[in-house]
Amino acid sequence: MSAADQSAVLRITAYDGTRSPLRSKSPMVVNIFNISPNRTFNFQDSFKSVPAEIKVPFEDGPGDYYAVSAWVDGFQSAGFPTVHESAVRCKTLI
């Protein structure tokens, strides 16, 4: 399998103020951007249930850095500026 064919799965779960998984009738909007130099992977979609699982490109190198944010109507948005996929986390997905 070439590096171009590899992918990883980001699993995104939203939590409420009590640290319990979010139970909302509103969809969760997720944005993912590849923040590595010379990479262009942008993703936006909404999910009716959590957790959401999104397939992203994976090359086991400097291109595996993503910014992830999520928002649900009635709640504050949350995000992580640097999510790094690694071979250890992804080896069973490739």
N, C-alpha and C. Protein backbone atom coordinates (compact mmCIF):
# COMPACT_ATOMS: atom_id res chain seq x y z
N MET A 1 0.85 -1.17 0.00
CA MET A 1 0.00 0.00 0.00
C MET A 1 0.89 1.24 0.00
N SER A 2 0.67 2.16 -0.92
CA SER A 2 1.47 3.37 -0.97
C SER A 2 1.03 4.35 0.10
N ALA A 3 1.91 5.31 0.41
CA ALA A 3 1.58 6.31 1.42
C ALA A 3 0.34 7.10 1.03
N ALA A 4 0.13 7.30 -0.27
CA ALA A 4 -1.03 8.05 -0.72
C ALA A 4 -2.34 7.33 -0.44
N ASP A 5 -2.29 6.00 -0.32
CA ASP A 5 -3.49 5.21 -0.08
C ASP A 5 -3.80 5.04 1.39
N GLN A 6 -2.92 5.46 2.28
CA GLN A 6 -3.12 5.23 3.70
C GLN A 6 -4.07 6.27 4.28
N SER A 7 -4.80 5.87 5.30
CA SER A 7 -5.69 6.79 5.99
C SER A 7 -5.77 6.41 7.46
N ALA A 8 -6.23 7.37 8.24
CA ALA A 8 -6.45 7.16 9.66
C ALA A 8 -7.88 7.63 9.96
N VAL A 9 -8.39 7.26 11.10
CA VAL A 9 -9.74 7.68 11.48
C VAL A 9 -9.65 8.53 12.74
N LEU A 10 -10.17 9.76 12.64
CA LEU A 10 -10.30 10.61 13.82
C LEU A 10 -11.67 10.34 14.42
N ARG A 11 -11.71 10.03 15.69
CA ARG A 11 -12.98 9.77 16.37
C ARG A 11 -13.26 10.96 17.28
N ILE A 12 -14.38 11.64 17.06
CA ILE A 12 -14.70 12.86 17.78
C ILE A 12 -15.96 12.64 18.59
N THR A 13 -15.84 12.83 19.90
CA THR A 13 -16.96 12.72 20.83
C THR A 13 -17.13 14.05 21.53
N ALA A 14 -18.36 14.55 21.59
CA ALA A 14 -18.66 15.79 22.29
C ALA A 14 -19.18 15.45 23.69
N TYR A 15 -18.79 16.28 24.66
CA TYR A 15 -19.21 16.08 26.05
C TYR A 15 -19.92 17.32 26.54
N ASP A 16 -20.86 17.13 27.48
CA ASP A 16 -21.55 18.27 28.06
C ASP A 16 -20.79 18.78 29.29
N GLY A 17 -21.35 19.74 30.01
CA GLY A 17 -20.69 20.33 31.16
C GLY A 17 -20.46 19.39 32.31
N THR A 18 -21.12 18.24 32.33
CA THR A 18 -20.92 17.25 33.39
C THR A 18 -19.93 16.17 32.98
N ARG A 19 -19.29 16.37 31.82
CA ARG A 19 -18.33 15.42 31.25
C ARG A 19 -18.96 14.10 30.81
N SER A 20 -20.25 14.16 30.54
CA SER A 20 -20.96 13.00 29.99
C SER A 20 -21.07 13.19 28.48
N PRO A 21 -21.09 12.10 27.72
CA PRO A 21 -21.26 12.26 26.27
C PRO A 21 -22.50 13.09 25.97
N LEU A 22 -22.37 13.99 25.03
CA LEU A 22 -23.44 14.92 24.69
C LEU A 22 -24.62 14.19 24.09
N ARG A 23 -25.79 14.48 24.60
CA ARG A 23 -27.03 13.93 24.07
C ARG A 23 -27.87 15.11 23.62
N SER A 24 -27.83 15.39 22.34
CA SER A 24 -28.54 16.53 21.78
C SER A 24 -29.25 16.11 20.52
N LYS A 25 -30.41 16.73 20.29
CA LYS A 25 -31.12 16.44 19.05
C LYS A 25 -30.55 17.25 17.89
N SER A 26 -29.71 18.23 18.19
CA SER A 26 -29.07 19.04 17.16
C SER A 26 -27.83 18.32 16.64
N PRO A 27 -27.54 18.46 15.35
CA PRO A 27 -26.35 17.80 14.81
C PRO A 27 -25.06 18.48 15.30
N MET A 28 -23.98 17.72 15.33
CA MET A 28 -22.67 18.25 15.66
C MET A 28 -21.98 18.59 14.34
N VAL A 29 -21.51 19.85 14.22
CA VAL A 29 -20.79 20.29 13.04
C VAL A 29 -19.30 20.16 13.33
N VAL A 30 -18.59 19.47 12.45
CA VAL A 30 -17.16 19.21 12.63
C VAL A 30 -16.38 19.83 11.48
N ASN A 31 -15.30 20.53 11.83
CA ASN A 31 -14.36 21.08 10.85
C ASN A 31 -12.99 20.48 11.11
N ILE A 32 -12.32 20.04 10.06
CA ILE A 32 -10.96 19.50 10.17
C ILE A 32 -10.13 20.13 9.06
N PHE A 33 -8.97 20.64 9.43
CA PHE A 33 -8.05 21.24 8.48
C PHE A 33 -6.67 20.65 8.68
N ASN A 34 -6.03 20.28 7.59
CA ASN A 34 -4.64 19.83 7.69
C ASN A 34 -3.78 21.07 7.83
N ILE A 35 -2.97 21.13 8.90
CA ILE A 35 -2.17 22.32 9.17
C ILE A 35 -0.70 22.10 8.88
N SER A 36 -0.38 21.02 8.21
CA SER A 36 1.01 20.73 7.84
C SER A 36 1.36 21.49 6.56
N PRO A 37 2.63 21.85 6.41
CA PRO A 37 3.04 22.54 5.18
C PRO A 37 2.75 21.70 3.93
N ASN A 38 2.33 22.37 2.89
CA ASN A 38 2.12 21.75 1.58
C ASN A 38 1.02 20.70 1.55
N ARG A 39 0.10 20.72 2.48
CA ARG A 39 -1.01 19.75 2.49
C ARG A 39 -2.33 20.50 2.39
N THR A 40 -3.28 19.95 1.70
CA THR A 40 -4.58 20.59 1.58
C THR A 40 -5.67 19.57 1.81
N PHE A 41 -6.00 19.33 3.06
CA PHE A 41 -7.14 18.49 3.40
C PHE A 41 -8.05 19.34 4.26
N ASN A 42 -9.23 19.63 3.76
CA ASN A 42 -10.23 20.39 4.51
C ASN A 42 -11.51 19.58 4.52
N PHE A 43 -12.17 19.55 5.68
CA PHE A 43 -13.37 18.73 5.84
C PHE A 43 -14.37 19.50 6.69
N GLN A 44 -15.63 19.50 6.28
CA GLN A 44 -16.71 20.02 7.11
C GLN A 44 -17.94 19.18 6.85
N ASP A 45 -18.58 18.74 7.94
CA ASP A 45 -19.81 17.97 7.81
C ASP A 45 -20.54 18.01 9.14
N SER A 46 -21.78 17.57 9.14
CA SER A 46 -22.54 17.49 10.39
C SER A 46 -22.92 16.04 10.63
N PHE A 47 -23.03 15.71 11.91
CA PHE A 47 -23.32 14.34 12.33
C PHE A 47 -24.48 14.35 13.31
N LYS A 48 -25.44 13.46 13.11
CA LYS A 48 -26.62 13.42 13.97
C LYS A 48 -26.35 12.72 15.29
N SER A 49 -25.29 11.95 15.37
CA SER A 49 -24.97 11.26 16.62
C SER A 49 -23.47 11.31 16.85
N VAL A 50 -23.08 11.15 18.09
CA VAL A 50 -21.66 11.12 18.44
C VAL A 50 -21.35 9.75 19.02
N PRO A 51 -20.18 9.23 18.88
CA PRO A 51 -19.02 9.88 18.28
C PRO A 51 -19.09 9.87 16.75
N ALA A 52 -18.39 10.84 16.16
CA ALA A 52 -18.25 10.91 14.71
C ALA A 52 -16.89 10.32 14.35
N GLU A 53 -16.83 9.57 13.29
CA GLU A 53 -15.57 9.01 12.82
C GLU A 53 -15.31 9.51 11.41
N ILE A 54 -14.16 10.18 11.24
CA ILE A 54 -13.82 10.81 9.97
C ILE A 54 -12.49 10.26 9.49
N LYS A 55 -12.46 9.80 8.24
CA LYS A 55 -11.22 9.29 7.65
C LYS A 55 -10.40 10.47 7.14
N VAL A 56 -9.11 10.49 7.51
CA VAL A 56 -8.20 11.55 7.08
C VAL A 56 -6.97 10.91 6.45
N PRO A 57 -6.30 11.64 5.55
CA PRO A 57 -5.06 11.11 4.96
C PRO A 57 -4.00 10.88 6.03
N PHE A 58 -3.19 9.84 5.85
CA PHE A 58 -2.15 9.49 6.81
C PHE A 58 -0.91 9.07 6.04
N GLU A 59 0.23 9.69 6.37
CA GLU A 59 1.47 9.33 5.68
C GLU A 59 2.59 8.96 6.64
N ASP A 60 2.32 8.95 7.93
CA ASP A 60 3.33 8.64 8.95
C ASP A 60 4.53 9.57 8.81
N GLY A 61 4.24 10.86 8.73
CA GLY A 61 5.30 11.85 8.59
C GLY A 61 4.80 13.24 8.96
N PRO A 62 5.43 14.27 8.42
CA PRO A 62 5.10 15.64 8.81
C PRO A 62 3.74 16.12 8.31
N GLY A 63 3.07 15.39 7.48
CA GLY A 63 1.76 15.80 6.98
C GLY A 63 0.59 15.37 7.83
N ASP A 64 0.85 14.83 9.01
CA ASP A 64 -0.21 14.24 9.82
C ASP A 64 -0.66 15.13 10.97
N TYR A 65 -0.71 16.43 10.76
CA TYR A 65 -1.16 17.37 11.79
C TYR A 65 -2.46 18.03 11.34
N TYR A 66 -3.46 18.00 12.21
CA TYR A 66 -4.78 18.51 11.89
C TYR A 66 -5.27 19.44 13.00
N ALA A 67 -6.08 20.43 12.60
CA ALA A 67 -6.82 21.26 13.54
C ALA A 67 -8.27 20.78 13.48
N VAL A 68 -8.87 20.53 14.64
CA VAL A 68 -10.21 19.97 14.70
C VAL A 68 -11.08 20.85 15.58
N SER A 69 -12.29 21.17 15.11
CA SER A 69 -13.25 21.90 15.94
C SER A 69 -14.62 21.28 15.76
N ALA A 70 -15.45 21.41 16.80
CA ALA A 70 -16.81 20.87 16.76
C ALA A 70 -17.76 21.86 17.43
N TRP A 71 -19.00 21.88 16.97
CA TRP A 71 -20.00 22.79 17.50
C TRP A 71 -21.37 22.13 17.44
N VAL A 72 -22.17 22.34 18.50
CA VAL A 72 -23.56 21.88 18.55
C VAL A 72 -24.40 23.07 18.98
N ASP A 73 -25.53 23.29 18.31
CA ASP A 73 -26.42 24.40 18.64
C ASP A 73 -26.78 24.37 20.12
N GLY A 74 -26.64 25.51 20.79
CA GLY A 74 -26.94 25.61 22.21
C GLY A 74 -25.74 25.39 23.11
N PHE A 75 -24.60 25.05 22.53
CA PHE A 75 -23.37 24.80 23.28
C PHE A 75 -22.24 25.63 22.69
N GLN A 76 -21.19 25.84 23.48
CA GLN A 76 -20.01 26.53 22.97
C GLN A 76 -19.21 25.57 22.09
N SER A 77 -18.55 26.14 21.10
CA SER A 77 -17.71 25.30 20.25
C SER A 77 -16.44 24.94 21.00
N ALA A 78 -15.82 23.87 20.56
CA ALA A 78 -14.57 23.43 21.16
C ALA A 78 -13.66 22.96 20.05
N GLY A 79 -12.36 23.05 20.30
CA GLY A 79 -11.44 22.62 19.27
C GLY A 79 -10.08 22.30 19.81
N PHE A 80 -9.32 21.64 19.00
CA PHE A 80 -7.95 21.29 19.31
C PHE A 80 -7.10 21.76 18.15
N PRO A 81 -6.13 22.67 18.42
CA PRO A 81 -5.35 23.24 17.32
C PRO A 81 -4.37 22.27 16.68
N THR A 82 -3.92 21.26 17.40
CA THR A 82 -2.97 20.32 16.81
C THR A 82 -3.31 18.90 17.24
N VAL A 83 -3.82 18.14 16.30
CA VAL A 83 -4.06 16.71 16.50
C VAL A 83 -3.08 16.00 15.59
N HIS A 84 -2.24 15.15 16.17
CA HIS A 84 -1.21 14.47 15.39
C HIS A 84 -1.54 12.99 15.33
N GLU A 85 -1.73 12.49 14.13
CA GLU A 85 -1.92 11.06 13.94
C GLU A 85 -0.55 10.40 13.90
N SER A 86 -0.43 9.25 14.53
CA SER A 86 0.85 8.54 14.55
C SER A 86 0.65 7.10 14.11
N ALA A 87 1.74 6.48 13.72
CA ALA A 87 1.68 5.08 13.26
C ALA A 87 1.20 4.16 14.37
N VAL A 88 1.54 4.45 15.61
CA VAL A 88 1.11 3.61 16.73
C VAL A 88 -0.40 3.63 16.84
N ARG A 89 -1.01 4.81 16.70
CA ARG A 89 -2.46 4.93 16.81
C ARG A 89 -3.15 4.37 15.60
N CYS A 90 -2.50 4.37 14.45
CA CYS A 90 -3.16 4.04 13.17
C CYS A 90 -2.82 2.67 12.62
N LYS A 91 -1.92 1.94 13.22
CA LYS A 91 -1.43 0.74 12.58
C LYS A 91 -2.52 -0.28 12.29
N THR A 92 -3.59 -0.33 13.08
CA THR A 92 -4.64 -1.31 12.81
C THR A 92 -5.63 -0.79 11.80
N LEU A 93 -5.54 0.49 11.40
CA LEU A 93 -6.49 1.06 10.46
C LEU A 93 -5.99 1.07 9.03
N ILE A 94 -4.72 0.78 8.85
CA ILE A 94 -4.13 0.89 7.52
C ILE A 94 -4.18 -0.46 6.81
